[in-house]
Amino acid sequence: MVLDLRKLFLHDGESQAVNCEFDFSDLDFFGSYPLKKPVKVKGKVENRAGVVEISVECEVEYSAECDRCQTPTVKTYN
């Protein structure tokens, strides 16, 4: 993902939304593929008085078997 921030740096008070998803389902973690759903990224880039700030939140769902009992588990992290 590439953000074009040129306009943002030129104008005070300008902002740009960030909303995207990244597919890491083929990412291998020691023979396991725990990121079955896309990682969601939402946020905003703002120019406040010449200072550009980015704030984002990521949400990822991690699926794996319990190391102790082998029960499938799913946990969502923000």
Protein backbone atom coordinates (compact mmCIF):
# COMPACT_ATOMS: atom_id res chain seq x y z
CA MET A 1 0.00 0.00 0.00
CA VAL A 2 1.27 3.45 -0.91
CA LEU A 3 -0.19 6.68 0.46
CA ASP A 4 0.21 9.85 -1.61
CA LEU A 5 0.80 12.48 1.07
CA ARG A 6 2.02 15.39 -1.10
CA LYS A 7 -1.27 17.30 -0.86
CA LEU A 8 -1.35 16.67 2.89
CA PHE A 9 2.05 18.29 3.49
CA LEU A 10 1.07 21.39 1.48
CA HIS A 11 -2.16 22.33 3.29
CA ASP A 12 -2.76 22.79 7.02
CA GLY A 13 -5.92 21.04 8.20
CA GLU A 14 -5.85 18.52 5.36
CA SER A 15 -6.59 14.88 6.25
CA GLN A 16 -6.71 11.54 4.49
CA ALA A 17 -8.46 8.34 5.55
CA VAL A 18 -6.63 5.02 5.64
CA ASN A 19 -8.76 1.93 5.11
CA CYS A 20 -7.24 -1.24 3.71
CA GLU A 21 -6.83 -4.97 4.17
CA PHE A 22 -3.76 -7.16 3.81
CA ASP A 23 -3.92 -10.86 2.97
CA PHE A 24 -1.36 -12.86 4.93
CA SER A 25 -3.15 -16.22 4.58
CA ASP A 26 -0.12 -17.73 2.82
CA LEU A 27 2.31 -16.65 5.56
CA ASP A 28 3.92 -19.76 7.08
CA PHE A 29 4.44 -19.83 10.88
CA PHE A 30 6.49 -23.00 11.44
CA GLY A 31 4.23 -25.13 9.22
CA SER A 32 0.99 -23.43 10.26
CA TYR A 33 -1.04 -20.70 8.55
CA PRO A 34 -2.78 -18.88 11.43
CA LEU A 35 -3.83 -15.68 9.61
CA LYS A 36 -6.78 -17.00 7.63
CA LYS A 37 -8.67 -13.69 7.41
CA PRO A 38 -7.25 -10.41 6.07
CA VAL A 39 -5.61 -7.98 8.50
CA LYS A 40 -7.75 -4.82 8.60
CA VAL A 41 -6.11 -1.40 8.94
CA LYS A 42 -8.19 1.75 9.55
CA GLY A 43 -7.09 5.23 10.49
CA LYS A 44 -6.34 8.76 9.43
CA VAL A 45 -3.39 10.94 8.40
CA GLU A 46 -3.74 14.61 9.41
CA ASN A 47 -1.79 17.83 8.98
CA ARG A 48 -2.25 19.96 12.09
CA ALA A 49 -0.38 23.25 11.99
CA GLY A 50 2.32 21.80 9.76
CA VAL A 51 2.77 18.60 11.80
CA VAL A 52 1.66 15.46 9.96
CA GLU A 53 0.41 12.67 12.20
CA ILE A 54 -0.82 9.19 11.33
CA SER A 55 -3.03 7.14 13.65
CA VAL A 56 -4.14 3.63 12.73
CA GLU A 57 -5.80 0.62 14.30
CA CYS A 58 -5.15 -2.91 13.12
CA GLU A 59 -7.39 -5.92 13.61
CA VAL A 60 -6.10 -9.46 13.10
CA GLU A 61 -7.71 -12.83 13.72
CA TYR A 62 -5.24 -15.51 14.82
CA SER A 63 -6.27 -19.16 14.40
CA ALA A 64 -4.20 -22.01 15.83
CA GLU A 65 -4.42 -25.22 17.79
CA CYS A 66 -3.79 -25.13 21.53
CA ASP A 67 -0.30 -26.47 22.25
CA ARG A 68 -1.58 -28.37 25.27
CA CYS A 69 -4.89 -29.94 24.15
CA GLN A 70 -4.85 -29.46 20.35
CA THR A 71 -8.26 -27.71 20.42
CA PRO A 72 -8.66 -25.22 17.57
CA THR A 73 -8.68 -21.66 18.93
CA VAL A 74 -9.41 -18.29 17.35
CA LYS A 75 -8.49 -14.96 18.92
CA THR A 76 -9.03 -11.46 17.53
CA TYR A 77 -6.45 -8.81 18.38
CA ASN A 78 -6.90 -5.05 17.98
